[in-house]
PDB file of N, CA and C in Angstrom:
ATOM      1  N   MET A   1       5.118 -20.568   0.154  1.00  0.00           N
ATOM      2  CA  MET A   1       4.288 -19.727   1.013  1.00  0.00           C
ATOM      3  C   MET A   1       5.130 -18.549   1.514  1.00  0.00           C
ATOM      4  N   LYS A   2       4.528 -17.378   1.522  1.00  0.00           N
ATOM      5  CA  LYS A   2       5.217 -16.161   1.965  1.00  0.00           C
ATOM      6  C   LYS A   2       5.349 -16.158   3.487  1.00  0.00           C
ATOM      7  N   GLU A   3       6.218 -15.312   3.942  1.00  0.00           N
ATOM      8  CA  GLU A   3       6.442 -15.144   5.379  1.00  0.00           C
ATOM      9  C   GLU A   3       5.149 -14.709   6.081  1.00  0.00           C
ATOM     10  N   PRO A   4       5.042 -14.963   7.375  1.00  0.00           N
ATOM     11  CA  PRO A   4       3.868 -14.482   8.129  1.00  0.00           C
ATOM     12  C   PRO A   4       3.777 -12.953   8.053  1.00  0.00           C
ATOM     13  N   TRP A   5       2.567 -12.448   8.243  1.00  0.00           N
ATOM     14  CA  TRP A   5       2.334 -11.006   8.194  1.00  0.00           C
ATOM     15  C   TRP A   5       3.009 -10.314   9.374  1.00  0.00           C
ATOM     16  N   SER A   6       3.671  -9.205   9.097  1.00  0.00           N
ATOM     17  CA  SER A   6       4.244  -8.392  10.171  1.00  0.00           C
ATOM     18  C   SER A   6       3.202  -7.366  10.615  1.00  0.00           C
ATOM     19  N   LEU A   7       3.414  -6.807  11.765  1.00  0.00           N
ATOM     20  CA  LEU A   7       2.521  -5.765  12.270  1.00  0.00           C
ATOM     21  C   LEU A   7       2.518  -4.566  11.320  1.00  0.00           C
ATOM     22  N   GLN A   8       3.678  -4.241  10.748  1.00  0.00           N
ATOM     23  CA  GLN A   8       3.775  -3.124   9.820  1.00  0.00           C
ATOM     24  C   GLN A   8       2.954  -3.387   8.553  1.00  0.00           C
ATOM     25  N   GLU A   9       2.936  -4.638   8.075  1.00  0.00           N
ATOM     26  CA  GLU A   9       2.143  -4.967   6.888  1.00  0.00           C
ATOM     27  C   GLU A   9       0.647  -4.832   7.169  1.00  0.00           C
ATOM     28  N   VAL A  10       0.222  -5.264   8.334  1.00  0.00           N
ATOM     29  CA  VAL A  10      -1.195  -5.145   8.686  1.00  0.00           C
ATOM     30  C   VAL A  10      -1.570  -3.675   8.806  1.00  0.00           C
ATOM     31  N   ARG A  11      -0.695  -2.875   9.386  1.00  0.00           N
ATOM     32  CA  ARG A  11      -0.966  -1.433   9.486  1.00  0.00           C
ATOM     33  C   ARG A  11      -1.046  -0.802   8.103  1.00  0.00           C
ATOM     34  N   ARG A  12      -0.160  -1.200   7.206  1.00  0.00           N
ATOM     35  CA  ARG A  12      -0.171  -0.670   5.838  1.00  0.00           C
ATOM     36  C   ARG A  12      -1.436  -1.105   5.101  1.00  0.00           C
ATOM     37  N   LEU A  13      -1.847  -2.348   5.318  1.00  0.00           N
ATOM     38  CA  LEU A  13      -3.093  -2.841   4.734  1.00  0.00           C
ATOM     39  C   LEU A  13      -4.256  -1.965   5.177  1.00  0.00           C
ATOM     40  N   ARG A  14      -4.322  -1.671   6.465  1.00  0.00           N
ATOM     41  CA  ARG A  14      -5.397  -0.833   7.001  1.00  0.00           C
ATOM     42  C   ARG A  14      -5.354   0.568   6.378  1.00  0.00           C
ATOM     43  N   GLU A  15      -4.169   1.155   6.276  1.00  0.00           N
ATOM     44  CA  GLU A  15      -4.027   2.496   5.694  1.00  0.00           C
ATOM     45  C   GLU A  15      -4.494   2.524   4.240  1.00  0.00           C
ATOM     46  N   LEU A  16      -4.047   1.546   3.466  1.00  0.00           N
ATOM     47  CA  LEU A  16      -4.408   1.497   2.049  1.00  0.00           C
ATOM     48  C   LEU A  16      -5.904   1.274   1.867  1.00  0.00           C
ATOM     49  N   ALA A  17      -6.476   0.412   2.686  1.00  0.00           N
ATOM     50  CA  ALA A  17      -7.914   0.137   2.599  1.00  0.00           C
ATOM     51  C   ALA A  17      -8.711   1.381   2.967  1.00  0.00           C
ATOM     52  N   GLN A  18      -8.305   2.074   4.022  1.00  0.00           N
ATOM     53  CA  GLN A  18      -9.003   3.288   4.436  1.00  0.00           C
ATOM     54  C   GLN A  18      -8.879   4.398   3.396  1.00  0.00           C
ATOM     55  N   ALA A  19      -7.803   4.375   2.624  1.00  0.00           N
ATOM     56  CA  ALA A  19      -7.602   5.366   1.563  1.00  0.00           C
ATOM     57  C   ALA A  19      -8.404   5.022   0.315  1.00  0.00           C
ATOM     58  N   GLY A  20      -9.053   3.851   0.321  1.00  0.00           N
ATOM     59  CA  GLY A  20      -9.888   3.457  -0.809  1.00  0.00           C
ATOM     60  C   GLY A  20      -9.138   2.824  -1.964  1.00  0.00           C
ATOM     61  N   GLU A  21      -7.922   2.362  -1.711  1.00  0.00           N
ATOM     62  CA  GLU A  21      -7.142   1.715  -2.767  1.00  0.00           C
ATOM     63  C   GLU A  21      -7.818   0.419  -3.209  1.00  0.00           C
ATOM     64  N   PRO A  22      -7.768   0.106  -4.497  1.00  0.00           N
ATOM     65  CA  PRO A  22      -8.359  -1.144  -4.980  1.00  0.00           C
ATOM     66  C   PRO A  22      -7.590  -2.361  -4.466  1.00  0.00           C
ATOM     67  N   LEU A  23      -8.285  -3.458  -4.346  1.00  0.00           N
ATOM     68  CA  LEU A  23      -7.708  -4.705  -3.845  1.00  0.00           C
ATOM     69  C   LEU A  23      -6.425  -5.074  -4.581  1.00  0.00           C
ATOM     70  N   GLU A  24      -6.442  -4.998  -5.903  1.00  0.00           N
ATOM     71  CA  GLU A  24      -5.277  -5.386  -6.697  1.00  0.00           C
ATOM     72  C   GLU A  24      -4.069  -4.500  -6.406  1.00  0.00           C
ATOM     73  N   SER A  25      -4.312  -3.224  -6.167  1.00  0.00           N
ATOM     74  CA  SER A  25      -3.223  -2.295  -5.838  1.00  0.00           C
ATOM     75  C   SER A  25      -2.628  -2.618  -4.476  1.00  0.00           C
ATOM     76  N   ILE A  26      -3.498  -2.902  -3.509  1.00  0.00           N
ATOM     77  CA  ILE A  26      -3.022  -3.252  -2.171  1.00  0.00           C
ATOM     78  C   ILE A  26      -2.177  -4.520  -2.247  1.00  0.00           C
ATOM     79  N   ALA A  27      -2.645  -5.502  -3.010  1.00  0.00           N
ATOM     80  CA  ALA A  27      -1.906  -6.756  -3.162  1.00  0.00           C
ATOM     81  C   ALA A  27      -0.526  -6.497  -3.765  1.00  0.00           C
ATOM     82  N   ALA A  28      -0.458  -5.636  -4.787  1.00  0.00           N
ATOM     83  CA  ALA A  28       0.819  -5.336  -5.432  1.00  0.00           C
ATOM     84  C   ALA A  28       1.777  -4.627  -4.472  1.00  0.00           C
ATOM     85  N   VAL A  29       1.259  -3.657  -3.731  1.00  0.00           N
ATOM     86  CA  VAL A  29       2.097  -2.900  -2.788  1.00  0.00           C
ATOM     87  C   VAL A  29       2.672  -3.820  -1.712  1.00  0.00           C
ATOM     88  N   LEU A  30       1.825  -4.719  -1.201  1.00  0.00           N
ATOM     89  CA  LEU A  30       2.254  -5.590  -0.103  1.00  0.00           C
ATOM     90  C   LEU A  30       2.927  -6.884  -0.580  1.00  0.00           C
ATOM     91  N   GLY A  31       2.900  -7.122  -1.889  1.00  0.00           N
ATOM     92  CA  GLY A  31       3.519  -8.340  -2.411  1.00  0.00           C
ATOM     93  C   GLY A  31       2.789  -9.597  -1.986  1.00  0.00           C
ATOM     94  N   ARG A  32       1.475  -9.500  -1.895  1.00  0.00           N
ATOM     95  CA  ARG A  32       0.613 -10.621  -1.494  1.00  0.00           C
ATOM     96  C   ARG A  32      -0.434 -10.857  -2.575  1.00  0.00           C
ATOM     97  N   THR A  33      -1.082 -11.997  -2.538  1.00  0.00           N
ATOM     98  CA  THR A  33      -2.168 -12.265  -3.477  1.00  0.00           C
ATOM     99  C   THR A  33      -3.431 -11.537  -3.016  1.00  0.00           C
ATOM    100  N   SER A  34      -4.348 -11.344  -3.955  1.00  0.00           N
ATOM    101  CA  SER A  34      -5.625 -10.721  -3.612  1.00  0.00           C
ATOM    102  C   SER A  34      -6.349 -11.548  -2.559  1.00  0.00           C
ATOM    103  N   SER A  35      -6.245 -12.859  -2.676  1.00  0.00           N
ATOM    104  CA  SER A  35      -6.881 -13.757  -1.701  1.00  0.00           C
ATOM    105  C   SER A  35      -6.295 -13.554  -0.312  1.00  0.00           C
ATOM    106  N   ALA A  36      -4.982 -13.424  -0.231  1.00  0.00           N
ATOM    107  CA  ALA A  36      -4.327 -13.205   1.067  1.00  0.00           C
ATOM    108  C   ALA A  36      -4.762 -11.880   1.679  1.00  0.00           C
ATOM    109  N   ILE A  37      -4.913 -10.860   0.829  1.00  0.00           N
ATOM    110  CA  ILE A  37      -5.356  -9.550   1.318  1.00  0.00           C
ATOM    111  C   ILE A  37      -6.774  -9.645   1.859  1.00  0.00           C
ATOM    112  N   ARG A  38      -7.673 -10.287   1.097  1.00  0.00           N
ATOM    113  CA  ARG A  38      -9.062 -10.452   1.553  1.00  0.00           C
ATOM    114  C   ARG A  38      -9.116 -11.214   2.876  1.00  0.00           C
ATOM    115  N   ASN A  39      -8.351 -12.295   2.975  1.00  0.00           N
ATOM    116  CA  ASN A  39      -8.362 -13.099   4.200  1.00  0.00           C
ATOM    117  C   ASN A  39      -7.860 -12.316   5.405  1.00  0.00           C
ATOM    118  N   LYS A  40      -6.748 -11.615   5.242  1.00  0.00           N
ATOM    119  CA  LYS A  40      -6.180 -10.860   6.362  1.00  0.00           C
ATOM    120  C   LYS A  40      -7.091  -9.691   6.729  1.00  0.00           C
ATOM    121  N   ALA A  41      -7.659  -9.032   5.745  1.00  0.00           N
ATOM    122  CA  ALA A  41      -8.582  -7.925   6.022  1.00  0.00           C
ATOM    123  C   ALA A  41      -9.788  -8.435   6.808  1.00  0.00           C
ATOM    124  N   GLY A  42     -10.323  -9.564   6.405  1.00  0.00           N
ATOM    125  CA  GLY A  42     -11.465 -10.137   7.114  1.00  0.00           C
ATOM    126  C   GLY A  42     -11.125 -10.504   8.546  1.00  0.00           C
ATOM    127  N   PHE A  43      -9.956 -11.079   8.738  1.00  0.00           N
ATOM    128  CA  PHE A  43      -9.519 -11.482  10.078  1.00  0.00           C
ATOM    129  C   PHE A  43      -9.399 -10.273  11.008  1.00  0.00           C
ATOM    130  N   HIS A  44      -8.972  -9.141  10.454  1.00  0.00           N
ATOM    131  CA  HIS A  44      -8.771  -7.931  11.261  1.00  0.00           C
ATOM    132  C   HIS A  44      -9.920  -6.929  11.130  1.00  0.00           C
ATOM    133  N   ALA A  45     -11.030  -7.358  10.543  1.00  0.00           N
ATOM    134  CA  ALA A  45     -12.220  -6.502  10.365  1.00  0.00           C
ATOM    135  C   ALA A  45     -11.875  -5.207   9.628  1.00  0.00           C
ATOM    136  N   ILE A  46     -11.053  -5.328   8.589  1.00  0.00           N
ATOM    137  CA  ILE A  46     -10.684  -4.188   7.753  1.00  0.00           C
ATOM    138  C   ILE A  46     -11.571  -4.230   6.515  1.00  0.00           C
ATOM    139  N   SER A  47     -12.327  -3.175   6.291  1.00  0.00           N
ATOM    140  CA  SER A  47     -13.219  -3.124   5.138  1.00  0.00           C
ATOM    141  C   SER A  47     -12.435  -2.804   3.879  1.00  0.00           C
ATOM    142  N   LEU A  48     -12.664  -3.586   2.836  1.00  0.00           N
ATOM    143  CA  LEU A  48     -12.039  -3.343   1.539  1.00  0.00           C
ATOM    144  C   LEU A  48     -13.021  -2.703   0.565  1.00  0.00           C
ATOM    145  N   ARG A  49     -14.211  -2.381   1.046  1.00  0.00           N
ATOM    146  CA  ARG A  49     -15.217  -1.744   0.183  1.00  0.00           C
ATOM    147  C   ARG A  49     -14.810  -0.306  -0.064  1.00  0.00           C
ATOM    148  N   ARG A  50     -14.856   0.081  -1.308  1.00  0.00           N
ATOM    149  CA  ARG A  50     -14.519   1.452  -1.677  1.00  0.00           C
ATOM    150  C   ARG A  50     -15.781   2.292  -1.641  1.00  0.00           C
ATOM    151  N   ASP A  51     -15.647   3.521  -1.193  1.00  0.00           N
ATOM    152  CA  ASP A  51     -16.770   4.456  -1.161  1.00  0.00           C
ATOM    153  C   ASP A  51     -17.210   4.729  -2.590  1.00  0.00           C
ATOM    154  N   ARG A  52     -18.453   4.479  -2.895  1.00  0.00           N
ATOM    155  CA  ARG A  52     -18.945   4.651  -4.260  1.00  0.00           C
ATOM    156  C   ARG A  52     -18.903   6.103  -4.705  1.00  0.00           C
ATOM    157  N   LEU A  53     -18.907   7.039  -3.763  1.00  0.00           N
ATOM    158  CA  LEU A  53     -18.874   8.455  -4.128  1.00  0.00           C
ATOM    159  C   LEU A  53     -17.460   9.014  -4.142  1.00  0.00           C
ATOM    160  N   ALA A  54     -16.472   8.218  -3.792  1.00  0.00           N
ATOM    161  CA  ALA A  54     -15.097   8.703  -3.768  1.00  0.00           C
ATOM    162  C   ALA A  54     -14.707   9.143  -5.171  1.00  0.00           C
ATOM    163  N   GLY A  55     -14.271  10.360  -5.280  1.00  0.00           N
ATOM    164  CA  GLY A  55     -13.849  10.889  -6.561  1.00  0.00           C
ATOM    165  C   GLY A  55     -14.993  11.356  -7.450  1.00  0.00           C
ATOM    166  N   ALA A  56     -16.217  11.196  -7.004  1.00  0.00           N
ATOM    167  CA  ALA A  56     -17.363  11.620  -7.820  1.00  0.00           C
ATOM    168  C   ALA A  56     -17.523  13.131  -7.717  1.00  0.00           C
ATOM    169  N   VAL A  57     -17.960  13.726  -8.795  1.00  0.00           N
ATOM    170  CA  VAL A  57     -18.232  15.168  -8.808  1.00  0.00           C
ATOM    171  C   VAL A  57     -19.740  15.331  -8.766  1.00  0.00           C
ATOM    172  N   LEU A  58     -20.208  16.050  -7.774  1.00  0.00           N
ATOM    173  CA  LEU A  58     -21.640  16.275  -7.641  1.00  0.00           C
ATOM    174  C   LEU A  58     -22.054  17.472  -8.488  1.00  0.00           C
ATOM    175  N   ALA A  59     -23.234  17.380  -9.086  1.00  0.00           N
ATOM    176  CA  ALA A  59     -23.726  18.438  -9.964  1.00  0.00           C
ATOM    177  C   ALA A  59     -24.105  19.687  -9.190  1.00  0.00           C
ATOM    178  N   GLY A  60     -24.482  19.546  -7.966  1.00  0.00           N
ATOM    179  CA  GLY A  60     -24.900  20.709  -7.178  1.00  0.00           C
ATOM    180  C   GLY A  60     -25.056  20.306  -5.728  1.00  0.00           C
ATOM    181  N   PRO A  61     -25.454  21.241  -4.899  1.00  0.00           N
ATOM    182  CA  PRO A  61     -25.611  20.927  -3.476  1.00  0.00           C
ATOM    183  C   PRO A  61     -26.747  19.923  -3.263  1.00  0.00           C
ATOM    184  N   ILE A  62     -26.568  19.112  -2.256  1.00  0.00           N
ATOM    185  CA  ILE A  62     -27.594  18.144  -1.885  1.00  0.00           C
ATOM    186  C   ILE A  62     -28.512  18.837  -0.883  1.00  0.00           C
ATOM    187  N   SER A  63     -29.804  18.813  -1.165  1.00  0.00           N
ATOM    188  CA  SER A  63     -30.748  19.490  -0.280  1.00  0.00           C
ATOM    189  C   SER A  63     -31.603  18.462   0.444  1.00  0.00           C
ATOM    190  N   GLU A  64     -32.112  18.875   1.570  1.00  0.00           N
ATOM    191  CA  GLU A  64     -33.011  18.031   2.361  1.00  0.00           C
ATOM    192  C   GLU A  64     -34.348  17.918   1.639  1.00  0.00           C
ATOM    193  N   PRO A  65     -35.016  16.773   1.705  1.00  0.00           N
ATOM    194  CA  PRO A  65     -36.346  16.663   1.101  1.00  0.00           C
ATOM    195  C   PRO A  65     -37.339  17.558   1.844  1.00  0.00           C
ATOM    196  N   SER A  66     -38.298  18.111   1.112  1.00  0.00           N
ATOM    197  CA  SER A  66     -39.285  19.028   1.710  1.00  0.00           C
ATOM    198  C   SER A  66     -40.313  18.285   2.517  1.00  0.00           C
TER     199      SER A  66
END
């Protein structure tokens, strides 16, 4: 079993999650399993959901419905 989470690791987890990094990448950076990342994120209410539009290129301006 790995050492307990440090405050710096939890802060890094939050930063990576907010940046939209994939779960597997966060696990690799922190040297933890994907399961450990999911569990710690859940405990600290850190969302691991990536924005579906992140990196998407829009064809044109979005207009209000008439």
